[in-house]
N, C-alpha and C. Protein backbone atom coordinates (compact mmCIF):
# COMPACT_ATOMS: atom_id res chain seq x y z
N MET A 1 128.87 26.74 -49.82
CA MET A 1 129.78 26.44 -48.25
C MET A 1 131.05 27.56 -48.44
N ARG A 2 131.23 27.74 -47.37
CA ARG A 2 132.75 28.92 -47.20
C ARG A 2 134.00 27.97 -47.22
N THR A 3 135.37 28.44 -47.37
CA THR A 3 136.25 27.59 -46.98
C THR A 3 136.87 28.07 -45.77
N LYS A 4 138.03 27.30 -45.46
CA LYS A 4 138.74 27.72 -44.18
C LYS A 4 139.28 28.71 -44.21
N PRO A 5 139.07 29.74 -43.30
CA PRO A 5 139.62 31.15 -43.36
C PRO A 5 141.05 31.13 -43.01
N GLU A 6 141.94 32.35 -43.29
CA GLU A 6 142.87 32.55 -43.00
C GLU A 6 142.95 33.86 -42.08
N ILE A 7 144.24 33.53 -41.29
CA ILE A 7 144.23 34.73 -40.21
C ILE A 7 145.63 35.44 -40.42
N ASP A 8 145.45 36.75 -40.75
CA ASP A 8 146.80 37.32 -41.08
C ASP A 8 147.25 37.58 -39.27
N PRO A 9 148.71 37.59 -39.27
CA PRO A 9 149.18 37.72 -38.19
C PRO A 9 148.89 39.35 -37.72
N PRO A 10 148.74 39.09 -36.53
CA PRO A 10 148.15 40.39 -35.53
C PRO A 10 149.46 41.35 -35.82
N GLN A 11 149.55 42.60 -35.67
CA GLN A 11 150.38 43.40 -35.41
C GLN A 11 150.19 44.39 -33.74
N GLY A 12 151.40 44.47 -33.40
CA GLY A 12 151.59 44.99 -32.07
C GLY A 12 151.02 44.22 -31.07
N PRO A 13 151.15 44.63 -29.89
CA PRO A 13 150.92 43.97 -28.49
C PRO A 13 149.47 43.39 -28.70
N PRO A 14 149.39 42.34 -27.66
CA PRO A 14 148.03 41.41 -27.72
C PRO A 14 147.31 42.56 -26.86
N PRO A 15 145.95 42.48 -27.40
CA PRO A 15 144.94 43.49 -26.15
C PRO A 15 144.55 42.80 -24.90
N GLY A 16 144.22 43.70 -24.19
CA GLY A 16 143.97 43.26 -22.71
C GLY A 16 142.52 42.92 -22.48
N GLU A 17 141.69 43.18 -23.62
CA GLU A 17 140.03 42.81 -23.57
C GLU A 17 139.76 42.12 -24.77
N LEU A 18 138.56 41.54 -24.72
CA LEU A 18 137.96 40.70 -25.90
C LEU A 18 137.86 42.04 -27.14
N GLU A 19 138.47 41.32 -28.21
CA GLU A 19 138.04 42.18 -29.70
C GLU A 19 137.28 41.66 -30.76
N ILE A 20 136.29 42.05 -30.94
CA ILE A 20 135.35 41.18 -31.76
C ILE A 20 135.31 42.06 -33.16
N THR A 21 135.41 41.37 -34.38
CA THR A 21 135.58 42.19 -35.54
C THR A 21 134.42 40.97 -36.41
N GLU A 22 133.73 41.72 -36.97
CA GLU A 22 132.61 41.32 -38.03
C GLU A 22 133.11 41.03 -39.00
N LEU A 23 133.67 39.83 -39.55
CA LEU A 23 133.91 39.85 -40.75
C LEU A 23 132.94 39.41 -42.11
N ILE A 24 132.07 38.86 -41.65
CA ILE A 24 130.78 38.70 -42.70
C ILE A 24 129.39 38.69 -41.64
N VAL A 25 128.56 39.84 -42.19
CA VAL A 25 127.35 39.67 -41.32
C VAL A 25 126.52 38.56 -41.85
N GLY A 26 125.89 37.86 -40.97
CA GLY A 26 124.90 36.60 -41.33
C GLY A 26 123.53 37.35 -41.56
N GLU A 27 122.76 36.64 -42.10
CA GLU A 27 121.33 37.00 -42.41
C GLU A 27 120.32 36.02 -41.59
N GLY A 28 121.01 35.06 -40.77
CA GLY A 28 119.80 34.24 -40.58
C GLY A 28 119.41 34.42 -38.93
N SER A 29 119.13 33.37 -38.20
CA SER A 29 118.92 33.29 -36.65
C SER A 29 119.95 33.91 -35.75
N GLU A 30 119.73 34.28 -34.96
CA GLU A 30 120.96 35.13 -34.14
C GLU A 30 121.14 34.20 -32.97
N ALA A 31 122.27 34.10 -32.33
CA ALA A 31 122.77 33.10 -31.35
C ALA A 31 122.48 34.16 -30.01
N VAL A 32 122.23 33.33 -29.14
CA VAL A 32 121.54 34.00 -28.05
C VAL A 32 122.61 33.44 -26.83
N ALA A 33 122.85 34.24 -25.61
CA ALA A 33 123.74 33.52 -24.52
C ALA A 33 122.84 32.77 -24.11
N GLY A 34 123.57 31.42 -23.73
CA GLY A 34 123.01 30.28 -23.22
C GLY A 34 122.76 29.51 -24.12
N GLY A 35 122.43 29.66 -25.36
CA GLY A 35 121.85 28.89 -26.37
C GLY A 35 122.98 27.94 -26.74
N ASN A 36 122.35 27.13 -27.89
CA ASN A 36 123.29 26.08 -28.38
C ASN A 36 123.76 26.57 -29.98
N VAL A 37 124.87 26.41 -30.25
CA VAL A 37 125.36 26.73 -31.54
C VAL A 37 125.97 25.65 -32.39
N GLU A 38 126.11 25.83 -33.73
CA GLU A 38 126.98 24.88 -34.42
C GLU A 38 127.79 25.95 -35.16
N VAL A 39 129.05 25.61 -35.08
CA VAL A 39 130.20 26.17 -35.72
C VAL A 39 131.20 25.66 -36.48
N HIS A 40 131.54 26.56 -37.33
CA HIS A 40 133.33 26.06 -38.02
C HIS A 40 134.13 27.37 -37.41
N TYR A 41 135.29 26.55 -37.19
CA TYR A 41 136.18 27.75 -36.39
C TYR A 41 137.63 27.54 -36.80
N LEU A 42 138.45 28.30 -36.59
CA LEU A 42 140.08 28.20 -36.47
C LEU A 42 140.66 28.78 -35.42
N GLY A 43 141.46 28.23 -34.69
CA GLY A 43 142.04 28.96 -33.75
C GLY A 43 143.62 29.00 -33.74
N VAL A 44 144.23 30.22 -33.79
CA VAL A 44 145.95 30.21 -33.86
C VAL A 44 146.21 31.17 -32.77
N ASP A 45 147.37 30.68 -32.34
CA ASP A 45 148.33 31.53 -31.34
C ASP A 45 148.62 32.92 -31.67
N TYR A 46 148.12 34.15 -31.13
CA TYR A 46 148.22 35.58 -31.30
C TYR A 46 149.69 36.02 -31.72
N GLU A 47 150.72 35.07 -30.83
CA GLU A 47 152.05 35.63 -31.02
C GLU A 47 152.76 35.03 -32.37
N THR A 48 152.35 33.59 -32.20
CA THR A 48 152.95 32.93 -33.27
C THR A 48 152.48 32.66 -34.75
N GLY A 49 151.03 32.61 -34.46
CA GLY A 49 150.06 32.60 -35.70
C GLY A 49 150.26 31.04 -36.09
N GLU A 50 150.39 30.39 -35.15
CA GLU A 50 150.38 29.00 -35.36
C GLU A 50 149.10 28.29 -35.05
N GLU A 51 148.37 27.80 -36.00
CA GLU A 51 147.11 27.15 -35.65
C GLU A 51 147.19 25.99 -34.59
N PHE A 52 146.33 26.13 -33.46
CA PHE A 52 146.11 25.08 -32.52
C PHE A 52 144.89 24.24 -32.66
N ASP A 53 144.10 24.70 -33.21
CA ASP A 53 142.71 23.84 -33.50
C ASP A 53 141.81 24.46 -34.55
N SER A 54 141.26 23.44 -35.32
CA SER A 54 140.30 23.86 -36.23
C SER A 54 139.25 22.66 -36.68
N SER A 55 138.07 23.22 -36.58
CA SER A 55 136.94 22.21 -37.07
C SER A 55 137.33 21.88 -38.71
N TRP A 56 137.83 22.88 -39.43
CA TRP A 56 137.86 22.83 -40.68
C TRP A 56 138.92 21.81 -41.15
N SER A 57 139.85 21.57 -40.04
CA SER A 57 141.18 20.55 -40.27
C SER A 57 140.62 19.15 -40.01
N ARG A 58 139.41 19.04 -39.04
CA ARG A 58 138.75 17.78 -38.99
C ARG A 58 137.55 17.61 -39.90
N GLY A 59 137.33 18.58 -40.65
CA GLY A 59 136.38 18.42 -41.67
C GLY A 59 134.77 18.26 -41.31
N ASP A 60 134.43 18.73 -40.26
CA ASP A 60 133.23 18.84 -39.78
C ASP A 60 133.02 20.10 -38.67
N THR A 61 131.93 20.32 -38.76
CA THR A 61 131.36 21.51 -37.56
C THR A 61 131.35 20.76 -36.24
N ILE A 62 131.17 21.77 -34.96
CA ILE A 62 130.74 21.21 -33.94
C ILE A 62 129.88 22.05 -33.39
N ARG A 63 128.81 21.27 -32.70
CA ARG A 63 127.64 21.79 -31.84
C ARG A 63 127.94 21.81 -30.39
N PHE A 64 127.73 22.79 -29.87
CA PHE A 64 127.64 22.70 -28.29
C PHE A 64 127.07 24.27 -27.75
N PRO A 65 126.67 23.98 -26.40
CA PRO A 65 125.79 24.97 -25.65
C PRO A 65 126.92 26.04 -25.22
N LEU A 66 126.50 27.33 -25.61
CA LEU A 66 127.73 28.28 -25.18
C LEU A 66 128.22 28.37 -23.82
N ASN A 67 127.18 27.78 -22.98
CA ASN A 67 127.63 28.10 -21.55
C ASN A 67 128.98 27.06 -21.14
N ASN A 68 129.02 26.11 -22.05
CA ASN A 68 130.41 25.20 -21.81
C ASN A 68 131.50 25.59 -22.40
N LEU A 69 131.60 26.91 -22.99
CA LEU A 69 132.99 27.40 -23.62
C LEU A 69 133.58 28.26 -22.62
N ILE A 70 134.89 28.69 -23.40
CA ILE A 70 135.69 29.83 -22.85
C ILE A 70 134.91 30.79 -22.76
N GLN A 71 135.10 31.99 -21.88
CA GLN A 71 134.23 33.09 -21.55
C GLN A 71 134.41 34.12 -22.97
N ALA A 72 135.55 34.10 -23.95
CA ALA A 72 135.57 35.02 -24.75
C ALA A 72 134.40 34.46 -25.64
N TRP A 73 134.12 33.16 -26.11
CA TRP A 73 133.15 32.73 -26.95
C TRP A 73 131.45 32.92 -26.59
N ARG A 74 131.50 32.77 -25.08
CA ARG A 74 130.13 33.24 -24.34
C ARG A 74 129.87 34.56 -24.63
N ASP A 75 130.98 35.42 -24.48
CA ASP A 75 130.49 37.12 -24.88
C ASP A 75 130.83 37.43 -26.36
N GLY A 76 131.34 36.56 -26.95
CA GLY A 76 131.85 36.89 -28.55
C GLY A 76 130.86 36.48 -29.55
N ILE A 77 130.04 35.23 -29.15
CA ILE A 77 129.20 34.75 -30.00
C ILE A 77 127.87 35.33 -29.93
N PRO A 78 127.07 35.41 -28.92
CA PRO A 78 125.67 35.98 -28.82
C PRO A 78 125.57 37.40 -29.53
N GLY A 79 124.59 37.64 -30.65
CA GLY A 79 124.31 38.56 -31.34
C GLY A 79 124.62 38.25 -32.75
N MET A 80 125.66 37.03 -33.09
CA MET A 80 126.03 36.74 -34.56
C MET A 80 124.68 36.27 -34.84
N LYS A 81 124.74 36.45 -36.38
CA LYS A 81 123.54 35.78 -37.03
C LYS A 81 124.22 34.55 -37.68
N VAL A 82 123.30 33.70 -38.01
CA VAL A 82 123.68 32.41 -38.89
C VAL A 82 124.32 32.89 -40.44
N GLY A 83 125.38 32.50 -40.72
CA GLY A 83 125.74 32.68 -42.23
C GLY A 83 126.98 33.46 -41.99
N GLY A 84 127.04 34.07 -40.65
CA GLY A 84 128.15 35.13 -40.22
C GLY A 84 129.35 34.60 -39.82
N ARG A 85 130.62 35.55 -39.99
CA ARG A 85 131.50 35.25 -39.47
C ARG A 85 132.27 36.24 -38.61
N ARG A 86 133.13 36.04 -37.71
CA ARG A 86 133.51 36.62 -36.54
C ARG A 86 134.79 36.35 -36.31
N GLN A 87 135.70 37.44 -35.84
CA GLN A 87 136.92 37.19 -35.52
C GLN A 87 137.12 37.65 -34.12
N LEU A 88 137.29 36.78 -33.19
CA LEU A 88 137.79 36.98 -31.74
C LEU A 88 139.04 37.07 -31.12
N VAL A 89 139.75 38.11 -30.64
CA VAL A 89 140.68 38.25 -30.04
C VAL A 89 140.88 38.06 -28.60
N CYS A 90 141.16 36.75 -28.02
CA CYS A 90 140.83 36.64 -26.89
C CYS A 90 142.35 36.59 -25.98
N PRO A 91 142.12 37.60 -25.06
CA PRO A 91 143.15 37.67 -23.94
C PRO A 91 143.24 36.52 -22.73
N PRO A 92 144.14 36.11 -22.26
CA PRO A 92 144.28 34.94 -21.58
C PRO A 92 143.01 34.93 -20.41
N HIS A 93 142.78 36.01 -19.87
CA HIS A 93 141.76 35.86 -18.81
C HIS A 93 140.32 35.41 -19.35
N LEU A 94 140.17 35.69 -20.66
CA LEU A 94 138.99 35.16 -20.98
C LEU A 94 139.24 33.93 -21.85
N ALA A 95 140.39 33.39 -21.85
CA ALA A 95 140.52 31.93 -22.84
C ALA A 95 140.82 30.92 -21.72
N TYR A 96 141.90 30.64 -21.83
CA TYR A 96 142.47 29.25 -20.70
C TYR A 96 143.11 29.68 -19.64
N GLY A 97 142.92 31.30 -18.96
CA GLY A 97 143.71 31.62 -17.55
C GLY A 97 145.04 32.05 -18.23
N PRO A 98 145.92 32.44 -16.47
CA PRO A 98 147.14 32.76 -16.83
C PRO A 98 147.84 31.62 -17.09
N ALA A 99 149.24 31.92 -17.40
CA ALA A 99 150.31 31.00 -17.79
C ALA A 99 150.36 30.00 -16.19
N GLY A 100 150.51 28.76 -16.70
CA GLY A 100 150.76 27.82 -15.34
C GLY A 100 149.29 27.39 -14.90
N GLY A 101 148.47 27.68 -15.77
CA GLY A 101 147.04 27.07 -15.47
C GLY A 101 146.61 25.85 -15.55
N GLY A 102 147.56 24.94 -16.15
CA GLY A 102 147.27 23.57 -16.22
C GLY A 102 147.15 23.38 -17.56
N HIS A 103 146.46 24.23 -18.48
CA HIS A 103 145.84 23.95 -19.97
C HIS A 103 147.32 24.37 -20.85
N PRO A 104 147.41 23.36 -22.02
CA PRO A 104 148.32 24.06 -22.84
C PRO A 104 148.53 25.28 -23.58
N LEU A 105 147.31 26.07 -23.48
CA LEU A 105 146.87 27.23 -23.95
C LEU A 105 146.95 28.31 -22.66
N SER A 106 147.04 27.85 -21.55
CA SER A 106 147.16 28.90 -20.43
C SER A 106 148.18 30.05 -20.80
N GLY A 107 147.75 31.08 -20.42
CA GLY A 107 148.83 32.42 -20.50
C GLY A 107 148.95 32.90 -22.16
N LYS A 108 148.26 32.55 -22.97
CA LYS A 108 148.32 32.66 -24.24
C LYS A 108 147.14 33.65 -25.18
N THR A 109 147.25 34.57 -25.58
CA THR A 109 146.19 35.42 -26.39
C THR A 109 145.98 34.65 -27.51
N LEU A 110 144.70 34.37 -27.91
CA LEU A 110 143.97 33.10 -28.92
C LEU A 110 143.56 34.07 -29.84
N VAL A 111 143.42 34.05 -30.98
CA VAL A 111 142.44 34.26 -32.10
C VAL A 111 141.70 33.35 -32.77
N PHE A 112 140.55 33.50 -33.02
CA PHE A 112 139.48 32.83 -33.53
C PHE A 112 138.71 33.16 -34.68
N VAL A 113 138.61 32.71 -35.61
CA VAL A 113 137.61 32.94 -36.77
C VAL A 113 136.55 32.07 -36.76
N ILE A 114 135.51 32.33 -36.39
CA ILE A 114 134.19 31.57 -36.17
C ILE A 114 132.98 31.70 -37.14
N ASP A 115 132.91 30.81 -37.66
CA ASP A 115 131.54 30.68 -39.02
C ASP A 115 130.37 30.07 -38.29
N LEU A 116 129.10 30.78 -38.12
CA LEU A 116 127.98 30.44 -37.27
C LEU A 116 127.21 29.77 -38.37
N VAL A 117 126.87 28.25 -38.27
CA VAL A 117 126.46 27.51 -39.02
C VAL A 117 124.74 27.24 -38.73
N SER A 118 124.49 27.26 -37.39
CA SER A 118 123.40 27.25 -37.18
C SER A 118 122.98 27.34 -35.60
N VAL A 119 121.64 27.56 -34.95
CA VAL A 119 121.47 27.95 -33.52
C VAL A 119 120.44 27.14 -33.12
N GLY A 120 120.24 26.78 -31.88
CA GLY A 120 119.04 25.98 -31.43
C GLY A 120 119.29 24.61 -30.95
């Protein structure tokens, strides 16, 4: 079992589009668009590096259909294989929308590290 990842503070201005970095290539079944996934994840604010959410901190994975997630996850998780770890850098328009959008994370670029535990 892996341990909670650490996210190095990003350098430079936030990206305008989704950035996907394969940290560990998995060898299991592949996540597909619209499918169900079970993941462990850590999310931090791009600018401050502060953690805003983490399944690791709650001590349990989370399972959900990809269709119910922010666009960056719907775009960034398909193609991952079980056992893999990816980093997604998500601009606001692919996360929680522009500033003033009503969500506490609206207007923020977010960084997630996602471990794919299972699919199906």
